[in-house]
Amino acid sequence: MSDPFTKPYLNPRTGKASSGGAAREGRIKTLGGVDEIISQAVTKALIANADQIQTARMPGK
């Protein structure tokens, strides 16, 4: 299984390139940490689900 977070990464915060575990850690930190990443993903999924339910309930659709 491939982890896209370990691909080579130019960190915008430090200006340094990294790969492997260091790239993963850099990406996570740049994105605001694991809690922030999870919060954003869950929020996006819940909004998409609510929009889908709303569309399904609209008459004539």
N, C-alpha and C. Protein backbone atom coordinates (compact mmCIF):
# COMPACT_ATOMS: atom_id res chain seq x y z
N MET A 1 0.85 -1.18 0.00
CA MET A 1 0.00 0.00 0.00
C MET A 1 0.89 1.24 0.00
N SER A 2 0.54 2.20 -0.83
CA SER A 2 1.32 3.42 -0.98
C SER A 2 0.73 4.54 -0.13
N ASP A 3 1.59 5.31 0.49
CA ASP A 3 1.16 6.45 1.29
C ASP A 3 1.55 7.73 0.55
N PRO A 4 0.58 8.44 -0.05
CA PRO A 4 0.92 9.64 -0.82
C PRO A 4 1.55 10.74 0.03
N PHE A 5 1.36 10.69 1.33
CA PHE A 5 1.96 11.70 2.20
C PHE A 5 3.47 11.56 2.31
N THR A 6 4.04 10.42 1.87
CA THR A 6 5.49 10.23 1.97
C THR A 6 6.23 10.59 0.69
N LYS A 7 5.50 10.98 -0.35
CA LYS A 7 6.15 11.38 -1.60
C LYS A 7 6.98 12.64 -1.34
N PRO A 8 8.00 12.89 -2.17
CA PRO A 8 8.82 14.10 -1.98
C PRO A 8 7.94 15.35 -1.87
N TYR A 9 8.36 16.24 -0.97
CA TYR A 9 7.54 17.38 -0.59
C TYR A 9 8.42 18.59 -0.34
N LEU A 10 8.07 19.72 -0.95
CA LEU A 10 8.76 20.98 -0.68
C LEU A 10 7.92 21.72 0.34
N ASN A 11 8.42 21.79 1.55
CA ASN A 11 7.68 22.37 2.66
C ASN A 11 7.62 23.90 2.50
N PRO A 12 6.41 24.46 2.38
CA PRO A 12 6.30 25.91 2.21
C PRO A 12 6.69 26.68 3.48
N ARG A 13 6.61 26.04 4.62
CA ARG A 13 6.97 26.72 5.87
C ARG A 13 8.47 26.86 6.03
N THR A 14 9.22 25.85 5.60
CA THR A 14 10.68 25.85 5.81
C THR A 14 11.47 26.07 4.53
N GLY A 15 10.84 25.82 3.38
CA GLY A 15 11.54 25.93 2.10
C GLY A 15 12.44 24.75 1.81
N LYS A 16 12.36 23.70 2.63
CA LYS A 16 13.21 22.52 2.46
C LYS A 16 12.42 21.36 1.86
N ALA A 17 13.13 20.54 1.10
CA ALA A 17 12.52 19.34 0.52
C ALA A 17 12.72 18.16 1.47
N SER A 18 11.74 17.27 1.50
CA SER A 18 11.85 16.06 2.31
C SER A 18 11.06 14.95 1.64
N SER A 19 11.24 13.73 2.13
CA SER A 19 10.47 12.59 1.66
C SER A 19 10.33 11.61 2.80
N GLY A 20 9.53 10.58 2.59
CA GLY A 20 9.34 9.57 3.62
C GLY A 20 8.58 10.13 4.82
N GLY A 21 8.98 9.67 5.98
CA GLY A 21 8.31 10.08 7.22
C GLY A 21 8.39 11.58 7.47
N ALA A 22 9.52 12.18 7.10
CA ALA A 22 9.67 13.63 7.29
C ALA A 22 8.67 14.40 6.41
N ALA A 23 8.43 13.91 5.20
CA ALA A 23 7.45 14.55 4.32
C ALA A 23 6.05 14.41 4.92
N ARG A 24 5.75 13.23 5.44
CA ARG A 24 4.44 13.00 6.07
C ARG A 24 4.23 13.98 7.22
N GLU A 25 5.22 14.08 8.10
CA GLU A 25 5.12 14.98 9.25
C GLU A 25 5.00 16.43 8.81
N GLY A 26 5.75 16.81 7.77
CA GLY A 26 5.68 18.18 7.25
C GLY A 26 4.31 18.51 6.70
N ARG A 27 3.75 17.59 5.94
CA ARG A 27 2.41 17.81 5.38
C ARG A 27 1.37 17.93 6.49
N ILE A 28 1.43 17.04 7.45
CA ILE A 28 0.47 17.06 8.55
C ILE A 28 0.56 18.38 9.30
N LYS A 29 1.78 18.83 9.60
CA LYS A 29 1.95 20.09 10.33
C LYS A 29 1.46 21.27 9.49
N THR A 30 1.77 21.27 8.20
CA THR A 30 1.34 22.35 7.32
C THR A 30 -0.18 22.42 7.24
N LEU A 31 -0.84 21.26 7.28
CA LEU A 31 -2.30 21.21 7.20
C LEU A 31 -2.98 21.48 8.54
N GLY A 32 -2.22 21.72 9.60
CA GLY A 32 -2.80 22.08 10.88
C GLY A 32 -2.87 20.97 11.90
N GLY A 33 -2.27 19.83 11.61
CA GLY A 33 -2.28 18.71 12.55
C GLY A 33 -3.36 17.70 12.22
N VAL A 34 -3.24 16.55 12.83
CA VAL A 34 -4.17 15.45 12.56
C VAL A 34 -5.60 15.83 12.92
N ASP A 35 -5.79 16.48 14.07
CA ASP A 35 -7.15 16.85 14.48
C ASP A 35 -7.80 17.77 13.46
N GLU A 36 -7.05 18.73 12.94
CA GLU A 36 -7.60 19.67 11.95
C GLU A 36 -7.92 18.94 10.65
N ILE A 37 -7.04 18.04 10.22
CA ILE A 37 -7.27 17.28 8.99
C ILE A 37 -8.55 16.45 9.11
N ILE A 38 -8.70 15.78 10.24
CA ILE A 38 -9.90 14.95 10.46
C ILE A 38 -11.14 15.83 10.52
N SER A 39 -11.06 16.94 11.23
CA SER A 39 -12.20 17.85 11.35
C SER A 39 -12.65 18.35 9.98
N GLN A 40 -11.71 18.74 9.13
CA GLN A 40 -12.05 19.23 7.80
C GLN A 40 -12.67 18.12 6.95
N ALA A 41 -12.11 16.92 7.03
CA ALA A 41 -12.62 15.80 6.23
C ALA A 41 -14.04 15.42 6.66
N VAL A 42 -14.27 15.39 7.97
CA VAL A 42 -15.60 15.03 8.48
C VAL A 42 -16.61 16.11 8.10
N THR A 43 -16.24 17.37 8.27
CA THR A 43 -17.13 18.47 7.91
C THR A 43 -17.51 18.41 6.44
N LYS A 44 -16.51 18.19 5.59
CA LYS A 44 -16.76 18.11 4.14
C LYS A 44 -17.71 16.95 3.82
N ALA A 45 -17.50 15.80 4.45
CA ALA A 45 -18.34 14.63 4.21
C ALA A 45 -19.77 14.86 4.70
N LEU A 46 -19.92 15.47 5.87
CA LEU A 46 -21.25 15.72 6.41
C LEU A 46 -22.03 16.72 5.56
N ILE A 47 -21.35 17.76 5.09
CA ILE A 47 -22.02 18.74 4.23
C ILE A 47 -22.44 18.09 2.92
N ALA A 48 -21.57 17.30 2.34
CA ALA A 48 -21.90 16.60 1.08
C ALA A 48 -23.10 15.67 1.29
N ASN A 49 -23.11 14.97 2.42
CA ASN A 49 -24.22 14.06 2.72
C ASN A 49 -25.52 14.83 2.90
N ALA A 50 -25.46 15.95 3.62
CA ALA A 50 -26.66 16.76 3.83
C ALA A 50 -27.18 17.32 2.51
N ASP A 51 -26.27 17.76 1.66
CA ASP A 51 -26.67 18.28 0.34
C ASP A 51 -27.32 17.19 -0.50
N GLN A 52 -26.77 15.98 -0.42
CA GLN A 52 -27.32 14.86 -1.19
C GLN A 52 -28.73 14.51 -0.69
N ILE A 53 -28.92 14.51 0.60
CA ILE A 53 -30.24 14.22 1.17
C ILE A 53 -31.23 15.30 0.77
N GLN A 54 -30.80 16.57 0.83
CA GLN A 54 -31.67 17.68 0.46
C GLN A 54 -32.08 17.57 -1.00
N THR A 55 -31.15 17.25 -1.88
CA THR A 55 -31.44 17.11 -3.31
C THR A 55 -32.42 15.97 -3.55
N ALA A 56 -32.26 14.87 -2.83
CA ALA A 56 -33.14 13.71 -3.00
C ALA A 56 -34.56 14.02 -2.56
N ARG A 57 -34.72 14.93 -1.61
CA ARG A 57 -36.05 15.25 -1.09
C ARG A 57 -36.76 16.34 -1.89
N MET A 58 -36.06 16.99 -2.80
CA MET A 58 -36.66 18.07 -3.58
C MET A 58 -37.65 17.50 -4.59
N PRO A 59 -38.87 18.03 -4.61
CA PRO A 59 -39.86 17.54 -5.58
C PRO A 59 -39.42 17.83 -7.01
N GLY A 60 -39.75 16.91 -7.90
CA GLY A 60 -39.43 17.09 -9.31
C GLY A 60 -38.01 16.76 -9.69
N LYS A 61 -37.25 16.21 -8.80
CA LYS A 61 -35.85 15.86 -9.11
C LYS A 61 -35.71 14.37 -9.26
